[in-house]
Amino acid sequence: MPLPPVWIRRLLIAPAVVLLAFALVTTLPLWLLFGLVASPLVPGHLRVPRLVLLGILYLCWDAAALIVLGVLWVWSGFGRNIRTAEFQLRHYQVTGSFLRVLFWIARWALHLTVDVVGTDPDTAVPGRPEIVVSRHAGPGDSFILIHALVNWFDREPRIVLKATLQWDPAIDVLLNRLPNRFISPGRTGTTTLEQQISELATGLDENDAFVIFPEGGNFTPRRRTRAIARLRDRGLAEVADRAEHLRHVLPPKPGGLFTAIDAAPDAGVVFVAHTGLDRMVTVSDVWRELPMDKRLLMRFWSVPPEEVPTEEEERVAWLYDWWERIDAWIDENRPAFRPLSTDWTARRNATSASE
């Protein structure tokens, strides 16, 4: 579904979210009562009220962010100074604060914890900008990565994101005020996309982090098969052969990453892997796993700029070397597999016992 024009998103959708959040909060006891009544009809321990509460909390989070962003817009002279360094900094501070709240909600409502191992991106290449290259798998992994960069490592991220994320009003308003780029896969010409990435990665300072997900989307077996087939159709048999050995990640698309490296030659490159949300591919997967009780493990590797190859062919081989390393790390650190079961009563009892 195509995105509505900006004026509709700002004047209709955003206010509607604020009003809906207010309406849901004022009727919260009724919604929770509905969840409790419906809970015995649905497998899982209190799954419906958990989901209802989580949805209302997220909507309130969105509404609160929109109100704060509205105040900043007025404070900036009704948008006149919104792009100045002062207000860019204030927007990064708002980003950090609201991501801390969102992460607290995730820990409380979903029992989600995050542990980081490996290189600390804030000290790996001190005084230099960084290009952060991350795998993409599971719901909310990009939120967690940006939360880590802003709140744990004191970085100001510039992000390449899917345009569909602008359906969320708070994300739409906030990230369009900061140096980010929303792209529509399949609709943006390669030349235009690389030009946008080059502009975004140019002029990074010492605490900036350019963030890119070279897989282009969350991992699924079907996407993996299609991506390998496309490589073969393009005559890239050797690259496709290497991609065949990747079991947990999609073949990376090198164009955007290499454009960013060329635009920021002094930046270090940080590769990011994570595991814990891998099996949550579809909406039904997420529903089945609530409450998540997940431990997400993140691993960072830092590459200084002088170790990044300059020739195209060497860069492709280098990128696939790193993707194979990430794939192997994921395989070693994946959580234990929990087979699906149609015996919902047994599953509910097991969940209750674990809590």
Protein backbone atom coordinates (compact mmCIF):
# COMPACT_ATOMS: atom_id res chain seq x y z
CA MET A 1 0.00 0.00 0.00
CA PRO A 2 1.51 3.38 -1.00
CA LEU A 3 2.18 5.96 1.68
CA PRO A 4 -0.29 8.85 1.92
CA PRO A 5 1.06 12.34 1.15
CA VAL A 6 2.96 14.13 3.91
CA TRP A 7 0.11 16.55 4.64
CA ILE A 8 -2.28 13.67 5.30
CA ARG A 9 0.24 11.96 7.59
CA ARG A 10 0.84 15.18 9.54
CA LEU A 11 -2.65 16.68 9.70
CA LEU A 12 -4.80 13.54 9.88
CA ILE A 13 -2.91 10.39 10.89
CA ALA A 14 -0.70 11.90 13.61
CA PRO A 15 -3.56 13.70 15.45
CA ALA A 16 -5.71 10.59 15.08
CA VAL A 17 -3.04 8.54 16.89
CA VAL A 18 -2.96 11.04 19.78
CA LEU A 19 -6.76 11.00 20.09
CA LEU A 20 -6.90 7.20 19.87
CA ALA A 21 -4.26 6.86 22.59
CA PHE A 22 -6.25 9.19 24.86
CA ALA A 23 -9.45 7.21 24.20
CA LEU A 24 -7.78 3.88 24.94
CA VAL A 25 -6.16 5.11 28.16
CA THR A 26 -9.45 6.47 29.49
CA THR A 27 -11.14 3.12 28.76
CA LEU A 28 -8.18 0.94 29.78
CA PRO A 29 -10.06 -1.07 32.46
CA LEU A 30 -12.63 -2.14 29.87
CA TRP A 31 -9.94 -3.33 27.44
CA LEU A 32 -8.11 -5.26 30.14
CA LEU A 33 -11.38 -6.83 31.27
CA PHE A 34 -12.03 -7.86 27.67
CA GLY A 35 -8.54 -9.37 27.51
CA LEU A 36 -9.05 -11.34 30.71
CA VAL A 37 -12.43 -12.67 29.54
CA ALA A 38 -10.99 -13.71 26.16
CA SER A 39 -7.82 -15.16 27.65
CA PRO A 40 -9.17 -18.69 28.39
CA LEU A 41 -10.20 -18.99 24.74
CA VAL A 42 -6.68 -18.38 23.45
CA PRO A 43 -3.58 -20.54 24.04
CA GLY A 44 -0.82 -19.11 26.18
CA HIS A 45 -0.70 -17.62 29.67
CA LEU A 46 -2.66 -14.31 29.68
CA ARG A 47 -1.69 -13.78 26.07
CA VAL A 48 -4.65 -11.56 25.12
CA PRO A 49 -4.38 -9.06 28.01
CA ARG A 50 -0.62 -8.91 27.50
CA LEU A 51 -1.10 -8.11 23.84
CA VAL A 52 -3.83 -5.55 24.57
CA LEU A 53 -1.68 -3.80 27.17
CA LEU A 54 1.37 -3.87 24.92
CA GLY A 55 -0.58 -2.35 22.03
CA ILE A 56 -1.98 0.43 24.20
CA LEU A 57 1.43 1.18 25.71
CA TYR A 58 3.00 1.44 22.25
CA LEU A 59 0.23 3.73 21.05
CA CYS A 60 0.72 5.95 24.11
CA TRP A 61 4.46 5.95 23.44
CA ASP A 62 3.79 7.08 19.88
CA ALA A 63 1.35 9.76 21.01
CA ALA A 64 3.70 11.12 23.69
CA ALA A 65 6.52 11.31 21.15
CA LEU A 66 4.28 13.22 18.72
CA ILE A 67 3.34 15.73 21.44
CA VAL A 68 7.01 16.33 22.36
CA LEU A 69 7.91 16.68 18.67
CA GLY A 70 5.07 19.18 18.28
CA VAL A 71 6.47 21.23 21.17
CA LEU A 72 9.93 21.17 19.56
CA TRP A 73 8.45 22.32 16.27
CA VAL A 74 6.82 25.34 17.94
CA TRP A 75 9.98 26.03 19.98
CA SER A 76 12.08 26.04 16.80
CA GLY A 77 10.06 28.95 15.45
CA PHE A 78 7.31 26.82 13.94
CA GLY A 79 9.88 24.75 12.10
CA ARG A 80 12.10 27.60 10.93
CA ASN A 81 15.16 26.43 12.94
CA ILE A 82 14.35 22.73 13.06
CA ARG A 83 17.44 21.81 10.98
CA THR A 84 19.92 23.80 13.05
CA ALA A 85 22.61 22.02 15.07
CA GLU A 86 20.87 22.92 18.35
CA PHE A 87 17.57 21.33 17.39
CA GLN A 88 19.22 18.36 15.71
CA LEU A 89 20.91 17.65 19.05
CA ARG A 90 17.60 18.02 20.88
CA HIS A 91 15.99 15.55 18.49
CA TYR A 92 18.75 13.03 19.13
CA GLN A 93 18.15 13.51 22.86
CA VAL A 94 14.43 12.88 22.31
CA THR A 95 15.33 9.77 20.30
CA GLY A 96 17.43 8.43 23.16
CA SER A 97 14.82 9.18 25.81
CA PHE A 98 11.93 7.57 23.96
CA LEU A 99 14.00 4.52 22.98
CA ARG A 100 14.88 4.03 26.66
CA VAL A 101 11.17 4.08 27.47
CA LEU A 102 10.38 1.68 24.61
CA PHE A 103 13.12 -0.70 25.73
CA TRP A 104 11.80 -0.57 29.31
CA ILE A 105 8.34 -1.50 27.97
CA ALA A 106 9.86 -4.41 26.04
CA ARG A 107 11.70 -5.68 29.12
CA TRP A 108 8.62 -5.37 31.31
CA ALA A 109 5.91 -6.59 28.93
CA LEU A 110 7.86 -9.06 26.79
CA HIS A 111 10.59 -10.19 29.20
CA LEU A 112 13.18 -9.19 26.58
CA THR A 113 16.81 -8.76 27.62
CA VAL A 114 19.78 -7.70 25.50
CA ASP A 115 23.42 -8.61 26.08
CA VAL A 116 26.31 -7.18 24.04
CA VAL A 117 29.61 -8.94 23.46
CA GLY A 118 32.66 -8.04 21.41
CA THR A 119 33.95 -4.63 20.41
CA ASP A 120 32.41 -1.58 22.04
CA PRO A 121 31.55 0.73 19.10
CA ASP A 122 32.11 3.78 21.30
CA THR A 123 35.77 2.98 21.95
CA ALA A 124 36.81 0.77 19.00
CA VAL A 125 37.79 3.70 16.79
CA PRO A 126 37.89 6.71 19.16
CA GLY A 127 37.40 10.10 17.55
CA ARG A 128 36.27 8.62 14.23
CA PRO A 129 32.87 8.17 12.63
CA GLU A 130 31.62 4.64 11.99
CA ILE A 131 29.69 2.78 9.34
CA VAL A 132 27.54 0.23 11.18
CA VAL A 133 26.65 -2.80 9.06
CA SER A 134 23.98 -5.02 10.60
CA ARG A 135 22.12 -8.19 9.75
CA HIS A 136 18.34 -7.91 9.75
CA ALA A 137 16.17 -10.55 11.45
CA GLY A 138 13.28 -10.53 13.87
CA PRO A 139 10.81 -7.86 14.99
CA GLY A 140 12.27 -4.64 16.35
CA ASP A 141 15.95 -5.50 15.83
CA SER A 142 16.60 -2.09 14.23
CA PHE A 143 15.05 -0.35 17.28
CA ILE A 144 17.38 -2.28 19.57
CA LEU A 145 20.45 -1.44 17.48
CA ILE A 146 19.64 2.29 17.41
CA HIS A 147 18.88 2.19 21.15
CA ALA A 148 22.34 0.70 21.74
CA LEU A 149 24.11 3.26 19.53
CA VAL A 150 22.34 6.29 21.01
CA ASN A 151 22.02 5.37 24.68
CA TRP A 152 24.93 3.01 25.33
CA PHE A 153 27.60 4.25 22.92
CA ASP A 154 26.69 7.97 22.60
CA ARG A 155 26.48 7.93 18.82
CA GLU A 156 24.27 9.99 16.50
CA PRO A 157 23.02 7.55 13.86
CA ARG A 158 22.20 8.29 10.25
CA ILE A 159 20.03 5.47 9.01
CA VAL A 160 18.90 4.00 5.70
CA LEU A 161 15.35 2.71 6.32
CA LYS A 162 12.39 1.26 4.48
CA ALA A 163 9.83 3.89 3.48
CA THR A 164 7.00 1.78 4.94
CA LEU A 165 8.23 2.63 8.46
CA GLN A 166 6.73 6.09 7.89
CA TRP A 167 3.32 4.59 8.54
CA ASP A 168 4.28 5.00 12.21
CA PRO A 169 3.65 8.75 12.81
CA ALA A 170 6.31 9.23 15.51
CA ILE A 171 9.00 7.49 13.44
CA ASP A 172 7.85 9.45 10.40
CA VAL A 173 8.12 12.87 12.05
CA LEU A 174 11.23 12.25 14.15
CA LEU A 175 13.44 10.51 11.62
CA ASN A 176 12.52 12.86 8.78
CA ARG A 177 13.82 15.74 10.91
CA LEU A 178 17.19 14.02 11.31
CA PRO A 179 19.71 13.07 8.58
CA ASN A 180 18.17 9.77 7.51
CA ARG A 181 16.92 8.33 4.21
CA PHE A 182 13.72 6.39 3.64
CA ILE A 183 13.87 4.16 0.57
CA SER A 184 11.35 2.00 -1.28
CA PRO A 185 13.03 -1.25 -2.40
CA GLY A 186 12.25 -1.96 -6.03
CA ARG A 187 10.99 1.58 -6.67
CA THR A 188 14.21 3.56 -6.28
CA GLY A 189 16.68 3.46 -9.14
CA THR A 190 20.16 2.23 -8.25
CA THR A 191 21.79 5.52 -9.29
CA THR A 192 19.37 7.59 -7.22
CA LEU A 193 19.68 5.29 -4.21
CA GLU A 194 23.47 5.35 -4.24
CA GLN A 195 23.41 9.12 -4.64
CA GLN A 196 21.17 9.44 -1.58
CA ILE A 197 23.44 7.15 0.43
CA SER A 198 26.51 9.09 -0.66
CA GLU A 199 24.94 12.37 0.44
CA LEU A 200 23.89 10.86 3.77
CA ALA A 201 27.33 9.39 4.51
CA THR A 202 29.24 12.54 3.53
CA GLY A 203 30.46 14.77 6.34
CA LEU A 204 30.23 12.30 9.22
CA ASP A 205 31.82 13.69 12.38
CA GLU A 206 33.50 11.90 15.29
CA ASN A 207 30.31 10.75 17.04
CA ASP A 208 28.22 9.92 13.94
CA ALA A 209 27.29 6.38 12.94
CA PHE A 210 25.99 5.62 9.46
CA VAL A 211 23.69 2.58 9.80
CA ILE A 212 22.87 0.27 6.92
CA PHE A 213 21.25 -3.17 6.59
CA PRO A 214 22.75 -4.62 3.38
CA GLU A 215 20.38 -7.60 3.29
CA GLY A 216 17.53 -5.21 2.50
CA GLY A 217 15.01 -6.97 4.74
CA ASN A 218 14.48 -9.53 7.48
CA PHE A 219 15.79 -13.01 6.84
CA THR A 220 13.32 -15.64 5.68
CA PRO A 221 14.10 -18.91 3.86
CA ARG A 222 12.01 -17.77 0.89
CA ARG A 223 13.88 -14.47 0.58
CA ARG A 224 17.17 -16.34 0.80
CA THR A 225 16.19 -18.63 -2.09
CA ARG A 226 15.01 -15.70 -4.22
CA ALA A 227 18.15 -13.66 -3.52
CA ILE A 228 20.44 -16.51 -4.57
CA ALA A 229 18.38 -17.06 -7.73
CA ARG A 230 18.74 -13.36 -8.60
CA LEU A 231 22.51 -13.60 -8.23
CA ARG A 232 22.58 -16.52 -10.67
CA ASP A 233 20.29 -14.69 -13.11
CA ARG A 234 22.78 -11.81 -13.11
CA GLY A 235 25.62 -14.18 -13.97
CA LEU A 236 27.26 -13.93 -10.53
CA ALA A 237 27.77 -17.68 -10.17
CA GLU A 238 30.76 -17.45 -7.81
CA VAL A 239 28.97 -15.07 -5.45
CA ALA A 240 25.83 -17.22 -5.61
CA ASP A 241 27.89 -20.28 -4.65
CA ARG A 242 29.16 -18.45 -1.57
CA ALA A 243 25.62 -17.31 -0.76
CA GLU A 244 24.45 -20.93 -0.89
CA HIS A 245 26.58 -21.64 2.20
CA LEU A 246 24.91 -18.86 4.22
CA ARG A 247 22.20 -20.47 6.32
CA HIS A 248 21.06 -17.71 8.67
CA VAL A 249 21.58 -14.49 6.69
CA LEU A 250 20.59 -13.17 3.28
CA PRO A 251 23.25 -12.43 0.64
CA PRO A 252 24.35 -8.84 1.25
CA LYS A 253 23.74 -6.18 -1.39
CA PRO A 254 27.10 -4.41 -1.60
CA GLY A 255 26.22 -1.27 -3.59
CA GLY A 256 24.89 0.89 -0.77
CA LEU A 257 27.59 -0.13 1.69
CA PHE A 258 30.44 0.48 -0.75
CA THR A 259 28.97 3.87 -1.66
CA ALA A 260 28.93 4.81 2.03
CA ILE A 261 32.54 3.65 2.48
CA ASP A 262 33.64 5.77 -0.50
CA ALA A 263 31.75 8.80 0.88
CA ALA A 264 33.30 8.39 4.37
CA PRO A 265 36.81 6.97 3.81
CA ASP A 266 37.93 7.92 7.34
CA ALA A 267 35.14 5.96 9.01
CA GLY A 268 35.67 2.63 10.69
CA VAL A 269 33.34 -0.24 9.80
CA VAL A 270 31.46 -2.06 12.56
CA PHE A 271 29.72 -5.34 11.72
CA VAL A 272 26.78 -6.34 13.91
CA ALA A 273 25.25 -9.78 14.40
CA HIS A 274 22.46 -10.72 16.76
CA THR A 275 20.43 -13.75 17.61
CA GLY A 276 17.39 -14.46 19.74
CA LEU A 277 14.54 -13.23 17.56
CA ASP A 278 15.45 -15.25 14.47
CA ARG A 279 12.48 -17.61 14.51
CA MET A 280 9.96 -14.78 14.78
CA VAL A 281 9.42 -14.34 11.06
CA THR A 282 5.65 -13.93 10.66
CA VAL A 283 2.89 -12.28 12.69
CA SER A 284 1.77 -15.75 13.79
CA ASP A 285 5.31 -16.46 15.03
CA VAL A 286 5.24 -13.31 17.16
CA TRP A 287 1.77 -14.18 18.48
CA ARG A 288 2.86 -17.71 19.33
CA GLU A 289 5.91 -16.50 21.25
CA LEU A 290 4.14 -13.98 23.51
CA PRO A 291 5.33 -13.39 26.15
CA MET A 292 8.71 -13.61 24.46
CA ASP A 293 10.99 -14.42 27.41
CA LYS A 294 13.85 -13.80 24.98
CA ARG A 295 17.53 -13.04 25.42
CA LEU A 296 18.89 -11.15 22.43
CA LEU A 297 22.65 -11.47 22.10
CA MET A 298 24.48 -8.85 20.00
CA ARG A 299 28.04 -9.13 18.73
CA PHE A 300 30.12 -6.24 17.35
CA TRP A 301 33.30 -6.49 15.29
CA SER A 302 35.28 -3.37 14.42
CA VAL A 303 37.36 -2.91 11.26
CA PRO A 304 39.64 0.17 11.04
CA PRO A 305 39.35 2.13 7.77
CA GLU A 306 42.86 1.22 6.64
CA GLU A 307 41.87 -2.47 6.55
CA VAL A 308 38.91 -1.95 4.22
CA PRO A 309 39.78 -3.00 0.63
CA THR A 310 39.60 -0.38 -2.10
CA GLU A 311 39.11 -2.53 -5.21
CA GLU A 312 35.57 -3.66 -6.10
CA GLU A 313 36.31 -7.37 -6.43
CA GLU A 314 38.34 -7.45 -3.21
CA ARG A 315 35.56 -5.60 -1.39
CA VAL A 316 32.93 -8.11 -2.46
CA ALA A 317 35.11 -10.99 -1.26
CA TRP A 318 35.81 -9.10 1.99
CA LEU A 319 32.10 -8.45 2.60
CA TYR A 320 31.24 -12.12 2.02
CA ASP A 321 34.08 -13.16 4.33
CA TRP A 322 32.45 -11.09 7.06
CA TRP A 323 28.96 -12.37 6.24
CA GLU A 324 30.23 -15.95 6.52
CA ARG A 325 31.75 -15.08 9.90
CA ILE A 326 28.44 -13.59 11.04
CA ASP A 327 26.56 -16.64 9.76
CA ALA A 328 28.87 -18.97 11.71
CA TRP A 329 28.52 -16.89 14.88
CA ILE A 330 24.73 -17.00 14.60
CA ASP A 331 24.84 -20.77 14.21
CA GLU A 332 26.95 -21.08 17.37
CA ASN A 333 24.75 -18.76 19.44
CA ARG A 334 21.22 -19.55 18.36
CA PRO A 335 18.79 -20.27 21.21
CA ALA A 336 17.57 -23.81 21.65
CA PHE A 337 14.85 -24.76 19.19
CA ARG A 338 11.34 -25.09 20.61
CA PRO A 339 9.25 -27.31 18.32
CA LEU A 340 5.75 -26.16 17.50
CA SER A 341 2.93 -28.02 19.14
CA THR A 342 -0.78 -28.24 18.48
CA ASP A 343 -1.45 -29.31 22.06
CA TRP A 344 -2.36 -25.86 23.28
CA THR A 345 -3.30 -26.99 26.77
CA ALA A 346 0.10 -28.55 27.35
CA ARG A 347 1.80 -25.43 26.06
CA ARG A 348 -0.24 -23.17 28.32
CA ASN A 349 0.53 -25.31 31.34
CA ALA A 350 4.23 -25.31 30.46
CA THR A 351 4.22 -21.53 30.11
CA SER A 352 2.44 -21.12 33.42
CA ALA A 353 4.92 -23.38 35.15
CA SER A 354 7.88 -21.44 33.77
CA GLU A 355 6.52 -18.22 35.19
